[in-house]
Amino acid sequence: MRLLPTIVCGAAVTLSLLIAPVAVADDQLAVSMCDYVTADDKNRLRKVLSDYRLRLRNIYDGVLCNGDSLLRHAFKSNAVDVGEFIAKQLPGTAIANAGDIAWAEANGYSASPLLAVLKARAGEGD
């Protein structure tokens, strides 16, 4: 009778050890991506996505940098090259629906070249 609880407990401990490192790896990946956006390093961002076989459109909603989306973080960091790369990786409808264009205009980024890229990608023009 005591064998079954021991097996269940052992399986639970084993599973918890296997699952925990994945969460840490995901956090480290997100931090790296945020650092690359801050540094306006498009090549490193592209490489990390390639190395992990990730598509930006699949993970974009799950990555936040200081509570902001990658595009908003690019605006705050004046990372035009990385912001343009991110915009090209996302569908135009996603950019239009995300509210990043309105956010940028409301927060004083109207003169940013990245805003023009977003508008063009979303189909709004100038």
C-alpha atoms as a PDB file:
ATOM      1  CA  MET A   1       0.000   0.000   0.000  1.00  0.00           C
ATOM      2  CA  ARG A   2       2.847   2.451   0.655  1.00  0.00           C
ATOM      3  CA  LEU A   3       4.435   1.755  -2.695  1.00  0.00           C
ATOM      4  CA  LEU A   4       1.785   3.638  -4.700  1.00  0.00           C
ATOM      5  CA  PRO A   5       2.088   6.974  -2.789  1.00  0.00           C
ATOM      6  CA  THR A   6       5.879   6.717  -3.004  1.00  0.00           C
ATOM      7  CA  ILE A   7       5.739   6.236  -6.769  1.00  0.00           C
ATOM      8  CA  VAL A   8       3.279   9.114  -7.212  1.00  0.00           C
ATOM      9  CA  CYS A   9       5.402  11.408  -5.059  1.00  0.00           C
ATOM     10  CA  GLY A  10       8.578  10.424  -6.912  1.00  0.00           C
ATOM     11  CA  ALA A  11       6.913  11.076 -10.270  1.00  0.00           C
ATOM     12  CA  ALA A  12       5.698  14.493  -9.102  1.00  0.00           C
ATOM     13  CA  VAL A  13       9.173  15.496  -7.932  1.00  0.00           C
ATOM     14  CA  THR A  14      10.737  14.282 -11.171  1.00  0.00           C
ATOM     15  CA  LEU A  15       8.233  16.186 -13.286  1.00  0.00           C
ATOM     16  CA  SER A  16       8.726  19.370 -11.295  1.00  0.00           C
ATOM     17  CA  LEU A  17      12.480  19.164 -11.843  1.00  0.00           C
ATOM     18  CA  LEU A  18      12.005  18.669 -15.564  1.00  0.00           C
ATOM     19  CA  ILE A  19       9.533  21.522 -15.992  1.00  0.00           C
ATOM     20  CA  ALA A  20      11.316  24.224 -13.950  1.00  0.00           C
ATOM     21  CA  PRO A  21      14.398  24.642 -16.198  1.00  0.00           C
ATOM     22  CA  VAL A  22      12.194  25.265 -19.236  1.00  0.00           C
ATOM     23  CA  ALA A  23      10.592  28.275 -17.550  1.00  0.00           C
ATOM     24  CA  VAL A  24      13.998  29.652 -16.613  1.00  0.00           C
ATOM     25  CA  ALA A  25      15.247  29.138 -20.176  1.00  0.00           C
ATOM     26  CA  ASP A  26      12.199  30.974 -21.539  1.00  0.00           C
ATOM     27  CA  ASP A  27      12.799  33.870 -19.152  1.00  0.00           C
ATOM     28  CA  GLN A  28      16.453  34.065 -20.147  1.00  0.00           C
ATOM     29  CA  LEU A  29      15.502  34.015 -23.819  1.00  0.00           C
ATOM     30  CA  ALA A  30      13.030  36.855 -23.309  1.00  0.00           C
ATOM     31  CA  VAL A  31      15.620  38.890 -21.402  1.00  0.00           C
ATOM     32  CA  SER A  32      18.128  38.335 -24.204  1.00  0.00           C
ATOM     33  CA  MET A  33      15.604  39.436 -26.789  1.00  0.00           C
ATOM     34  CA  CYS A  34      14.851  42.580 -24.792  1.00  0.00           C
ATOM     35  CA  ASP A  35      18.569  43.316 -24.497  1.00  0.00           C
ATOM     36  CA  TYR A  36      18.995  42.965 -28.254  1.00  0.00           C
ATOM     37  CA  VAL A  37      16.106  45.350 -28.854  1.00  0.00           C
ATOM     38  CA  THR A  38      17.619  47.863 -26.427  1.00  0.00           C
ATOM     39  CA  ALA A  39      20.969  47.619 -28.215  1.00  0.00           C
ATOM     40  CA  ASP A  40      19.266  47.846 -31.647  1.00  0.00           C
ATOM     41  CA  ASP A  41      21.067  44.628 -32.619  1.00  0.00           C
ATOM     42  CA  LYS A  42      18.962  43.111 -35.377  1.00  0.00           C
ATOM     43  CA  ASN A  43      21.511  40.430 -36.242  1.00  0.00           C
ATOM     44  CA  ARG A  44      21.633  38.992 -32.734  1.00  0.00           C
ATOM     45  CA  LEU A  45      17.845  39.032 -32.457  1.00  0.00           C
ATOM     46  CA  ARG A  46      17.593  37.234 -35.776  1.00  0.00           C
ATOM     47  CA  LYS A  47      20.224  34.707 -34.673  1.00  0.00           C
ATOM     48  CA  VAL A  48      18.528  33.878 -31.367  1.00  0.00           C
ATOM     49  CA  LEU A  49      15.225  33.355 -33.185  1.00  0.00           C
ATOM     50  CA  SER A  50      16.951  31.115 -35.702  1.00  0.00           C
ATOM     51  CA  ASP A  51      18.894  29.157 -33.069  1.00  0.00           C
ATOM     52  CA  TYR A  52      15.741  28.362 -31.123  1.00  0.00           C
ATOM     53  CA  ARG A  53      13.703  27.867 -34.322  1.00  0.00           C
ATOM     54  CA  LEU A  54      11.183  30.484 -33.298  1.00  0.00           C
ATOM     55  CA  ARG A  55       8.944  32.649 -35.414  1.00  0.00           C
ATOM     56  CA  LEU A  56       8.477  36.101 -34.005  1.00  0.00           C
ATOM     57  CA  ARG A  57       4.792  36.147 -34.906  1.00  0.00           C
ATOM     58  CA  ASN A  58       4.257  33.074 -32.702  1.00  0.00           C
ATOM     59  CA  ILE A  59       5.950  34.451 -29.582  1.00  0.00           C
ATOM     60  CA  TYR A  60       5.430  38.214 -29.937  1.00  0.00           C
ATOM     61  CA  ASP A  61       2.486  38.411 -27.526  1.00  0.00           C
ATOM     62  CA  GLY A  62       4.333  36.443 -24.850  1.00  0.00           C
ATOM     63  CA  VAL A  63       7.508  38.549 -24.714  1.00  0.00           C
ATOM     64  CA  LEU A  64       7.364  41.717 -22.631  1.00  0.00           C
ATOM     65  CA  CYS A  65      10.232  44.078 -21.913  1.00  0.00           C
ATOM     66  CA  ASN A  66       9.624  46.085 -18.746  1.00  0.00           C
ATOM     67  CA  GLY A  67       5.909  45.520 -19.275  1.00  0.00           C
ATOM     68  CA  ASP A  68       5.953  46.731 -22.896  1.00  0.00           C
ATOM     69  CA  SER A  69       5.677  44.829 -26.159  1.00  0.00           C
ATOM     70  CA  LEU A  70       8.808  44.451 -28.254  1.00  0.00           C
ATOM     71  CA  LEU A  71       7.714  47.250 -30.590  1.00  0.00           C
ATOM     72  CA  ARG A  72       6.976  49.670 -27.768  1.00  0.00           C
ATOM     73  CA  HIS A  73      10.325  48.789 -26.216  1.00  0.00           C
ATOM     74  CA  ALA A  74      11.945  49.506 -29.586  1.00  0.00           C
ATOM     75  CA  PHE A  75      10.309  52.948 -29.624  1.00  0.00           C
ATOM     76  CA  LYS A  76      11.525  53.716 -26.098  1.00  0.00           C
ATOM     77  CA  SER A  77      15.045  52.509 -26.960  1.00  0.00           C
ATOM     78  CA  ASN A  78      15.132  54.347 -30.304  1.00  0.00           C
ATOM     79  CA  ALA A  79      15.869  50.989 -31.941  1.00  0.00           C
ATOM     80  CA  VAL A  80      14.679  51.688 -35.466  1.00  0.00           C
ATOM     81  CA  ASP A  81      16.471  48.788 -37.192  1.00  0.00           C
ATOM     82  CA  VAL A  82      15.175  46.179 -34.755  1.00  0.00           C
ATOM     83  CA  GLY A  83      11.719  47.752 -34.753  1.00  0.00           C
ATOM     84  CA  GLU A  84      11.589  47.573 -38.531  1.00  0.00           C
ATOM     85  CA  PHE A  85      12.700  43.923 -38.411  1.00  0.00           C
ATOM     86  CA  ILE A  86       9.989  43.114 -35.861  1.00  0.00           C
ATOM     87  CA  ALA A  87       7.349  44.913 -37.928  1.00  0.00           C
ATOM     88  CA  LYS A  88       8.321  42.943 -41.031  1.00  0.00           C
ATOM     89  CA  GLN A  89       7.991  39.670 -39.125  1.00  0.00           C
ATOM     90  CA  LEU A  90       4.464  40.402 -37.920  1.00  0.00           C
ATOM     91  CA  PRO A  91       1.301  40.380 -40.015  1.00  0.00           C
ATOM     92  CA  GLY A  92       0.004  43.843 -40.892  1.00  0.00           C
ATOM     93  CA  THR A  93      -3.311  43.085 -39.208  1.00  0.00           C
ATOM     94  CA  ALA A  94      -1.518  42.260 -35.962  1.00  0.00           C
ATOM     95  CA  ILE A  95       0.245  45.617 -36.046  1.00  0.00           C
ATOM     96  CA  ALA A  96      -2.976  47.454 -36.840  1.00  0.00           C
ATOM     97  CA  ASN A  97      -4.879  45.694 -34.048  1.00  0.00           C
ATOM     98  CA  ALA A  98      -2.163  45.936 -31.378  1.00  0.00           C
ATOM     99  CA  GLY A  99      -2.613  49.648 -30.793  1.00  0.00           C
ATOM    100  CA  ASP A 100       1.110  50.372 -31.060  1.00  0.00           C
ATOM    101  CA  ILE A 101       0.569  53.092 -33.662  1.00  0.00           C
ATOM    102  CA  ALA A 102      -1.873  55.001 -31.477  1.00  0.00           C
ATOM    103  CA  TRP A 103       0.373  54.436 -28.453  1.00  0.00           C
ATOM    104  CA  ALA A 104       3.394  55.845 -30.303  1.00  0.00           C
ATOM    105  CA  GLU A 105       1.489  58.919 -31.457  1.00  0.00           C
ATOM    106  CA  ALA A 106       0.109  59.525 -27.960  1.00  0.00           C
ATOM    107  CA  ASN A 107       3.536  59.194 -26.338  1.00  0.00           C
ATOM    108  CA  GLY A 108       5.454  61.638 -28.518  1.00  0.00           C
ATOM    109  CA  TYR A 109       7.019  59.282 -31.060  1.00  0.00           C
ATOM    110  CA  SER A 110       5.327  60.918 -34.055  1.00  0.00           C
ATOM    111  CA  ALA A 111       8.679  61.913 -35.574  1.00  0.00           C
ATOM    112  CA  SER A 112      10.172  58.426 -35.232  1.00  0.00           C
ATOM    113  CA  PRO A 113      10.973  56.673 -38.512  1.00  0.00           C
ATOM    114  CA  LEU A 114       9.700  53.492 -36.886  1.00  0.00           C
ATOM    115  CA  LEU A 115       6.185  54.931 -36.768  1.00  0.00           C
ATOM    116  CA  ALA A 116       6.229  55.395 -40.544  1.00  0.00           C
ATOM    117  CA  VAL A 117       7.285  51.751 -40.931  1.00  0.00           C
ATOM    118  CA  LEU A 118       4.451  50.584 -38.698  1.00  0.00           C
ATOM    119  CA  LYS A 119       1.899  52.680 -40.543  1.00  0.00           C
ATOM    120  CA  ALA A 120       3.064  51.358 -43.890  1.00  0.00           C
ATOM    121  CA  ARG A 121       2.984  47.772 -42.605  1.00  0.00           C
ATOM    122  CA  ALA A 122      -0.493  48.234 -41.157  1.00  0.00           C
ATOM    123  CA  GLY A 123      -1.706  49.762 -44.408  1.00  0.00           C
ATOM    124  CA  GLU A 124      -2.408  53.232 -43.009  1.00  0.00           C
ATOM    125  CA  GLY A 125       0.176  55.122 -45.059  1.00  0.00           C
ATOM    126  CA  ASP A 126       1.336  58.550 -43.886  1.00  0.00           C
END
